[in-house]
Amino acid sequence: MAMEAPSGMPAQTPLIVTTCTAGYHHWLQHLHANLKLLRLDKLLHVCAADAATATAASSMGLQLVSRDRRQASNASSPSTSAADYGLPTTRQAAGTFMTSSWKAAVHYKQHCVWELLERLAPGASVLLVDGDVTFFQDPLPLLLAGANRSVTDDVVIMDDTAPHLAQPYLNSGFMLLRNTAGQSILRVQQNTSQGPQHGRSPERDGS
């Protein structure tokens, strides 16, 4: 079943997706409140890593991204299994930068947003946003095609490369992905290189 933009919004409007575990409900509340001020909250969908987060998101009236394509998008059940990627889901769990739990979170949100993209119409877009992102204005006009420009990129991602870094560093917490053949190729390549974290050493996985 293909998912569509909420009623009253243009068909090309992207869905906004965030991921959350039980230890980060405050950031989900933050993002929801931020998007509500910009009248974008109806676009927000949540990849809930655990039952507690699914319940919290549903209590805020948010849509859930379900792994099972046969389930409705607002069903009160967790989406992509966090355990598949070694992601801790307790309220005390809070991975720091470049730790194994941080990398597991990166992999988890990538796969969750890809599963959502597969259900959308060709050319449709998803904006993946971390909960600690704050918007001071509607970002969509800056990212999407307008009257004076067209957008044909398969993936738009924030570049956090600093002058002292030898390698490019891309920020996985802010990405616009379009449902295109090029994006599908990227997804397959990433799935091949990453995969679930069982039996692997996440520390060697340079996300």
C-alpha atoms as a PDB file:
ATOM      1  CA  MET A   1       0.000   0.000   0.000  1.00  0.00           C
ATOM      2  CA  ALA A   2       1.568   3.287  -1.118  1.00  0.00           C
ATOM      3  CA  MET A   3       1.782   6.092   1.420  1.00  0.00           C
ATOM      4  CA  GLU A   4       0.845   9.636   0.451  1.00  0.00           C
ATOM      5  CA  ALA A   5       1.297  13.180   1.695  1.00  0.00           C
ATOM      6  CA  PRO A   6      -1.352  14.302   4.200  1.00  0.00           C
ATOM      7  CA  SER A   7      -4.582  15.795   2.875  1.00  0.00           C
ATOM      8  CA  GLY A   8      -4.304  19.447   1.894  1.00  0.00           C
ATOM      9  CA  MET A   9      -0.610  19.262   0.994  1.00  0.00           C
ATOM     10  CA  PRO A  10       0.868  18.965  -2.515  1.00  0.00           C
ATOM     11  CA  ALA A  11       1.429  15.399  -3.704  1.00  0.00           C
ATOM     12  CA  GLN A  12       5.173  16.062  -4.081  1.00  0.00           C
ATOM     13  CA  THR A  13       5.522  17.079  -0.425  1.00  0.00           C
ATOM     14  CA  PRO A  14       8.031  14.723   1.230  1.00  0.00           C
ATOM     15  CA  LEU A  15       7.312  12.795   4.372  1.00  0.00           C
ATOM     16  CA  ILE A  16       9.523  13.718   7.318  1.00  0.00           C
ATOM     17  CA  VAL A  17      10.957  10.739   9.202  1.00  0.00           C
ATOM     18  CA  THR A  18      12.818  10.498  12.489  1.00  0.00           C
ATOM     19  CA  THR A  19      14.018   7.557  14.557  1.00  0.00           C
ATOM     20  CA  CYS A  20      13.678   7.249  18.303  1.00  0.00           C
ATOM     21  CA  THR A  21      14.387   4.876  21.201  1.00  0.00           C
ATOM     22  CA  ALA A  22      13.075   4.916  24.764  1.00  0.00           C
ATOM     23  CA  GLY A  23      16.051   6.990  25.914  1.00  0.00           C
ATOM     24  CA  TYR A  24      15.293   9.849  23.532  1.00  0.00           C
ATOM     25  CA  HIS A  25      11.575  10.624  23.917  1.00  0.00           C
ATOM     26  CA  HIS A  26      12.419  14.201  24.902  1.00  0.00           C
ATOM     27  CA  TRP A  27      14.001  14.757  21.486  1.00  0.00           C
ATOM     28  CA  LEU A  28      10.944  13.331  19.746  1.00  0.00           C
ATOM     29  CA  GLN A  29       8.787  15.787  21.686  1.00  0.00           C
ATOM     30  CA  HIS A  30      11.180  18.582  20.711  1.00  0.00           C
ATOM     31  CA  LEU A  31      11.034  17.779  17.002  1.00  0.00           C
ATOM     32  CA  HIS A  32       7.270  17.381  17.056  1.00  0.00           C
ATOM     33  CA  ALA A  33       6.811  20.752  18.764  1.00  0.00           C
ATOM     34  CA  ASN A  34       9.243  22.396  16.336  1.00  0.00           C
ATOM     35  CA  LEU A  35       7.447  21.027  13.268  1.00  0.00           C
ATOM     36  CA  LYS A  36       4.076  21.947  14.741  1.00  0.00           C
ATOM     37  CA  LEU A  37       5.144  25.588  14.926  1.00  0.00           C
ATOM     38  CA  LEU A  38       5.968  25.394  11.211  1.00  0.00           C
ATOM     39  CA  ARG A  39       2.739  23.501  10.433  1.00  0.00           C
ATOM     40  CA  LEU A  40       4.726  20.498   9.250  1.00  0.00           C
ATOM     41  CA  ASP A  41       3.837  18.109  12.075  1.00  0.00           C
ATOM     42  CA  LYS A  42       1.344  16.157   9.927  1.00  0.00           C
ATOM     43  CA  LEU A  43       4.278  15.072   7.759  1.00  0.00           C
ATOM     44  CA  LEU A  44       6.204  13.533  10.641  1.00  0.00           C
ATOM     45  CA  HIS A  45       6.561   9.746  10.756  1.00  0.00           C
ATOM     46  CA  VAL A  46       8.470   7.848  13.443  1.00  0.00           C
ATOM     47  CA  CYS A  47      10.701   4.793  13.197  1.00  0.00           C
ATOM     48  CA  ALA A  48      10.038   3.527  16.727  1.00  0.00           C
ATOM     49  CA  ALA A  49      12.786   1.196  17.915  1.00  0.00           C
ATOM     50  CA  ASP A  50      10.769  -0.236  20.809  1.00  0.00           C
ATOM     51  CA  ALA A  51       7.230  -0.626  22.121  1.00  0.00           C
ATOM     52  CA  ALA A  52       7.578   2.242  24.626  1.00  0.00           C
ATOM     53  CA  THR A  53       8.522   4.633  21.830  1.00  0.00           C
ATOM     54  CA  ALA A  54       5.706   3.370  19.603  1.00  0.00           C
ATOM     55  CA  THR A  55       3.264   4.103  22.414  1.00  0.00           C
ATOM     56  CA  ALA A  56       4.751   7.549  23.049  1.00  0.00           C
ATOM     57  CA  ALA A  57       4.639   8.479  19.359  1.00  0.00           C
ATOM     58  CA  SER A  58       1.059   7.280  19.025  1.00  0.00           C
ATOM     59  CA  SER A  59       0.039   9.332  22.075  1.00  0.00           C
ATOM     60  CA  MET A  60       1.322  12.421  20.229  1.00  0.00           C
ATOM     61  CA  GLY A  61      -0.785  11.501  17.218  1.00  0.00           C
ATOM     62  CA  LEU A  62       2.258  10.638  15.106  1.00  0.00           C
ATOM     63  CA  GLN A  63       2.383   8.098  12.321  1.00  0.00           C
ATOM     64  CA  LEU A  64       4.630   5.052  12.778  1.00  0.00           C
ATOM     65  CA  VAL A  65       6.748   3.515  10.061  1.00  0.00           C
ATOM     66  CA  SER A  66       5.927  -0.179  10.219  1.00  0.00           C
ATOM     67  CA  ARG A  67       8.337  -2.814   8.957  1.00  0.00           C
ATOM     68  CA  ASP A  68       5.479  -5.085   7.953  1.00  0.00           C
ATOM     69  CA  ARG A  69       4.064  -3.657   4.724  1.00  0.00           C
ATOM     70  CA  ARG A  70       0.695  -5.232   5.497  1.00  0.00           C
ATOM     71  CA  GLN A  71       0.287  -3.130   8.652  1.00  0.00           C
ATOM     72  CA  ALA A  72      -1.170   0.370   8.651  1.00  0.00           C
ATOM     73  CA  SER A  73       1.317   3.192   9.098  1.00  0.00           C
ATOM     74  CA  ASN A  74      -0.330   4.263  12.350  1.00  0.00           C
ATOM     75  CA  ALA A  75      -0.406   0.798  13.964  1.00  0.00           C
ATOM     76  CA  SER A  76       0.851   0.740  17.554  1.00  0.00           C
ATOM     77  CA  SER A  77       3.803  -1.562  16.952  1.00  0.00           C
ATOM     78  CA  PRO A  78       7.574  -1.032  16.674  1.00  0.00           C
ATOM     79  CA  SER A  79       9.038  -0.678  13.189  1.00  0.00           C
ATOM     80  CA  THR A  80      12.347  -2.101  11.945  1.00  0.00           C
ATOM     81  CA  SER A  81      13.810  -4.319  14.654  1.00  0.00           C
ATOM     82  CA  ALA A  82      16.464  -2.390  16.535  1.00  0.00           C
ATOM     83  CA  ALA A  83      17.975  -5.670  17.720  1.00  0.00           C
ATOM     84  CA  ASP A  84      18.877  -6.467  14.109  1.00  0.00           C
ATOM     85  CA  TYR A  85      21.420  -3.649  14.254  1.00  0.00           C
ATOM     86  CA  GLY A  86      22.592  -3.976  17.854  1.00  0.00           C
ATOM     87  CA  LEU A  87      20.767  -0.824  18.927  1.00  0.00           C
ATOM     88  CA  PRO A  88      20.128  -0.517  22.701  1.00  0.00           C
ATOM     89  CA  THR A  89      16.595   0.600  23.510  1.00  0.00           C
ATOM     90  CA  THR A  90      16.524   1.109  27.291  1.00  0.00           C
ATOM     91  CA  ARG A  91      15.792   4.527  28.747  1.00  0.00           C
ATOM     92  CA  GLN A  92      19.374   4.680  30.059  1.00  0.00           C
ATOM     93  CA  ALA A  93      20.956   3.903  26.675  1.00  0.00           C
ATOM     94  CA  ALA A  94      22.580   6.882  24.987  1.00  0.00           C
ATOM     95  CA  GLY A  95      25.352   6.133  22.526  1.00  0.00           C
ATOM     96  CA  THR A  96      28.111   8.686  22.067  1.00  0.00           C
ATOM     97  CA  PHE A  97      29.705   9.684  18.764  1.00  0.00           C
ATOM     98  CA  MET A  98      31.345   6.820  16.821  1.00  0.00           C
ATOM     99  CA  THR A  99      30.617   4.157  19.449  1.00  0.00           C
ATOM    100  CA  SER A 100      29.094   0.858  18.377  1.00  0.00           C
ATOM    101  CA  SER A 101      25.637   1.922  19.609  1.00  0.00           C
ATOM    102  CA  TRP A 102      25.912   5.202  17.671  1.00  0.00           C
ATOM    103  CA  LYS A 103      26.770   3.296  14.488  1.00  0.00           C
ATOM    104  CA  ALA A 104      23.913   0.891  15.133  1.00  0.00           C
ATOM    105  CA  ALA A 105      21.563   3.883  15.313  1.00  0.00           C
ATOM    106  CA  VAL A 106      22.872   5.167  11.974  1.00  0.00           C
ATOM    107  CA  HIS A 107      22.259   1.813  10.307  1.00  0.00           C
ATOM    108  CA  TYR A 108      18.836   1.459  11.878  1.00  0.00           C
ATOM    109  CA  LYS A 109      17.529   4.804  10.652  1.00  0.00           C
ATOM    110  CA  GLN A 110      18.922   4.232   7.152  1.00  0.00           C
ATOM    111  CA  HIS A 111      17.119   0.929   6.800  1.00  0.00           C
ATOM    112  CA  CYS A 112      13.894   2.256   8.284  1.00  0.00           C
ATOM    113  CA  VAL A 113      13.727   5.161   5.847  1.00  0.00           C
ATOM    114  CA  TRP A 114      14.542   2.844   2.931  1.00  0.00           C
ATOM    115  CA  GLU A 115      11.665   0.567   3.885  1.00  0.00           C
ATOM    116  CA  LEU A 116       9.368   3.582   3.834  1.00  0.00           C
ATOM    117  CA  LEU A 117      10.696   4.786   0.477  1.00  0.00           C
ATOM    118  CA  GLU A 118       9.882   1.426  -1.090  1.00  0.00           C
ATOM    119  CA  ARG A 119       6.181   2.036  -0.374  1.00  0.00           C
ATOM    120  CA  LEU A 120       6.098   5.489  -1.971  1.00  0.00           C
ATOM    121  CA  ALA A 121       5.398   6.366  -5.577  1.00  0.00           C
ATOM    122  CA  PRO A 122       8.381   6.715  -7.943  1.00  0.00           C
ATOM    123  CA  GLY A 123      10.007  10.118  -7.480  1.00  0.00           C
ATOM    124  CA  ALA A 124       8.501  10.655  -4.025  1.00  0.00           C
ATOM    125  CA  SER A 125      10.807  11.993  -1.301  1.00  0.00           C
ATOM    126  CA  VAL A 126      11.540  11.390   2.369  1.00  0.00           C
ATOM    127  CA  LEU A 127      13.360  13.850   4.616  1.00  0.00           C
ATOM    128  CA  LEU A 128      15.230  11.980   7.347  1.00  0.00           C
ATOM    129  CA  VAL A 129      15.836  14.194  10.388  1.00  0.00           C
ATOM    130  CA  ASP A 130      17.357  13.486  13.795  1.00  0.00           C
ATOM    131  CA  GLY A 131      15.269  14.557  16.775  1.00  0.00           C
ATOM    132  CA  ASP A 132      17.839  17.111  17.947  1.00  0.00           C
ATOM    133  CA  VAL A 133      17.549  19.130  14.725  1.00  0.00           C
ATOM    134  CA  THR A 134      15.833  22.511  15.107  1.00  0.00           C
ATOM    135  CA  PHE A 135      14.298  24.340  12.146  1.00  0.00           C
ATOM    136  CA  PHE A 136      13.977  28.123  12.223  1.00  0.00           C
ATOM    137  CA  GLN A 137      11.929  28.090   9.029  1.00  0.00           C
ATOM    138  CA  ASP A 138      10.292  25.578   6.716  1.00  0.00           C
ATOM    139  CA  PRO A 139      13.225  23.711   5.073  1.00  0.00           C
ATOM    140  CA  LEU A 140      11.196  22.186   2.254  1.00  0.00           C
ATOM    141  CA  PRO A 141      11.245  25.178  -0.146  1.00  0.00           C
ATOM    142  CA  LEU A 142      15.050  25.159   0.131  1.00  0.00           C
ATOM    143  CA  LEU A 143      15.293  21.463  -0.738  1.00  0.00           C
ATOM    144  CA  LEU A 144      12.579  20.877  -3.323  1.00  0.00           C
ATOM    145  CA  ALA A 145      11.989  21.980  -6.876  1.00  0.00           C
ATOM    146  CA  GLY A 146      10.403  25.400  -7.293  1.00  0.00           C
ATOM    147  CA  ALA A 147       9.206  27.719 -10.005  1.00  0.00           C
ATOM    148  CA  ASN A 148      12.755  28.753 -10.909  1.00  0.00           C
ATOM    149  CA  ARG A 149      14.658  25.533 -10.334  1.00  0.00           C
ATOM    150  CA  SER A 150      14.364  21.779 -10.577  1.00  0.00           C
ATOM    151  CA  VAL A 151      15.792  19.162  -8.231  1.00  0.00           C
ATOM    152  CA  THR A 152      16.933  15.893  -9.772  1.00  0.00           C
ATOM    153  CA  ASP A 153      19.304  14.626  -7.074  1.00  0.00           C
ATOM    154  CA  ASP A 154      18.630  11.127  -5.795  1.00  0.00           C
ATOM    155  CA  VAL A 155      20.077  11.954  -2.366  1.00  0.00           C
ATOM    156  CA  VAL A 156      20.750  15.288  -0.655  1.00  0.00           C
ATOM    157  CA  ILE A 157      22.860  15.021   2.497  1.00  0.00           C
ATOM    158  CA  MET A 158      24.506  17.484   4.862  1.00  0.00           C
ATOM    159  CA  ASP A 159      28.277  17.779   4.423  1.00  0.00           C
ATOM    160  CA  ASP A 160      30.011  18.163   7.783  1.00  0.00           C
ATOM    161  CA  THR A 161      33.524  17.804   6.414  1.00  0.00           C
ATOM    162  CA  ALA A 162      35.934  20.014   8.355  1.00  0.00           C
ATOM    163  CA  PRO A 163      39.201  21.423   6.964  1.00  0.00           C
ATOM    164  CA  HIS A 164      41.278  19.213   9.278  1.00  0.00           C
ATOM    165  CA  LEU A 165      39.593  15.978   8.111  1.00  0.00           C
ATOM    166  CA  ALA A 166      41.356  13.887   5.488  1.00  0.00           C
ATOM    167  CA  GLN A 167      38.145  12.135   4.425  1.00  0.00           C
ATOM    168  CA  PRO A 168      34.692  13.563   3.633  1.00  0.00           C
ATOM    169  CA  TYR A 169      32.233  13.354   6.526  1.00  0.00           C
ATOM    170  CA  LEU A 170      28.518  13.246   5.754  1.00  0.00           C
ATOM    171  CA  ASN A 171      25.880  13.857   8.425  1.00  0.00           C
ATOM    172  CA  SER A 172      23.369  11.016   8.572  1.00  0.00           C
ATOM    173  CA  GLY A 173      21.023  13.131  10.704  1.00  0.00           C
ATOM    174  CA  PHE A 174      19.713  15.219   7.786  1.00  0.00           C
ATOM    175  CA  MET A 175      19.078  13.561   4.437  1.00  0.00           C
ATOM    176  CA  LEU A 176      16.564  13.993   1.628  1.00  0.00           C
ATOM    177  CA  LEU A 177      16.076  10.799  -0.376  1.00  0.00           C
ATOM    178  CA  ARG A 178      14.008  10.337  -3.521  1.00  0.00           C
ATOM    179  CA  ASN A 179      12.480   7.059  -4.646  1.00  0.00           C
ATOM    180  CA  THR A 180      14.565   6.669  -7.806  1.00  0.00           C
ATOM    181  CA  ALA A 181      16.638   3.991  -9.523  1.00  0.00           C
ATOM    182  CA  GLY A 182      19.835   5.755  -8.439  1.00  0.00           C
ATOM    183  CA  GLN A 183      18.765   5.812  -4.805  1.00  0.00           C
ATOM    184  CA  SER A 184      17.865   2.110  -5.048  1.00  0.00           C
ATOM    185  CA  ILE A 185      21.391   1.330  -6.222  1.00  0.00           C
ATOM    186  CA  LEU A 186      22.797   3.210  -3.242  1.00  0.00           C
ATOM    187  CA  ARG A 187      20.499   1.280  -0.917  1.00  0.00           C
ATOM    188  CA  VAL A 188      21.665  -2.073  -2.280  1.00  0.00           C
ATOM    189  CA  GLN A 189      25.309  -1.047  -1.955  1.00  0.00           C
ATOM    190  CA  GLN A 190      24.794   0.120   1.631  1.00  0.00           C
ATOM    191  CA  ASN A 191      22.896  -3.037   2.553  1.00  0.00           C
ATOM    192  CA  THR A 192      25.723  -5.144   1.172  1.00  0.00           C
ATOM    193  CA  SER A 193      28.420  -3.216   3.037  1.00  0.00           C
ATOM    194  CA  GLN A 194      26.537  -2.923   6.335  1.00  0.00           C
ATOM    195  CA  GLY A 195      23.913  -5.549   6.993  1.00  0.00           C
ATOM    196  CA  PRO A 196      22.669  -6.427  10.476  1.00  0.00           C
ATOM    197  CA  GLN A 197      25.281  -6.124  13.185  1.00  0.00           C
ATOM    198  CA  HIS A 198      25.060  -9.687  14.485  1.00  0.00           C
ATOM    199  CA  GLY A 199      28.464 -11.339  14.319  1.00  0.00           C
ATOM    200  CA  ARG A 200      30.202  -8.170  13.152  1.00  0.00           C
ATOM    201  CA  SER A 201      32.473  -5.650  14.787  1.00  0.00           C
ATOM    202  CA  PRO A 202      30.602  -2.318  14.526  1.00  0.00           C
ATOM    203  CA  GLU A 203      33.740  -0.407  15.530  1.00  0.00           C
ATOM    204  CA  ARG A 204      35.268  -1.228  12.142  1.00  0.00           C
ATOM    205  CA  ASP A 205      32.238   0.021  10.276  1.00  0.00           C
ATOM    206  CA  GLY A 206      32.971   3.624   9.366  1.00  0.00           C
ATOM    207  CA  SER A 207      29.532   5.131   8.913  1.00  0.00           C
END
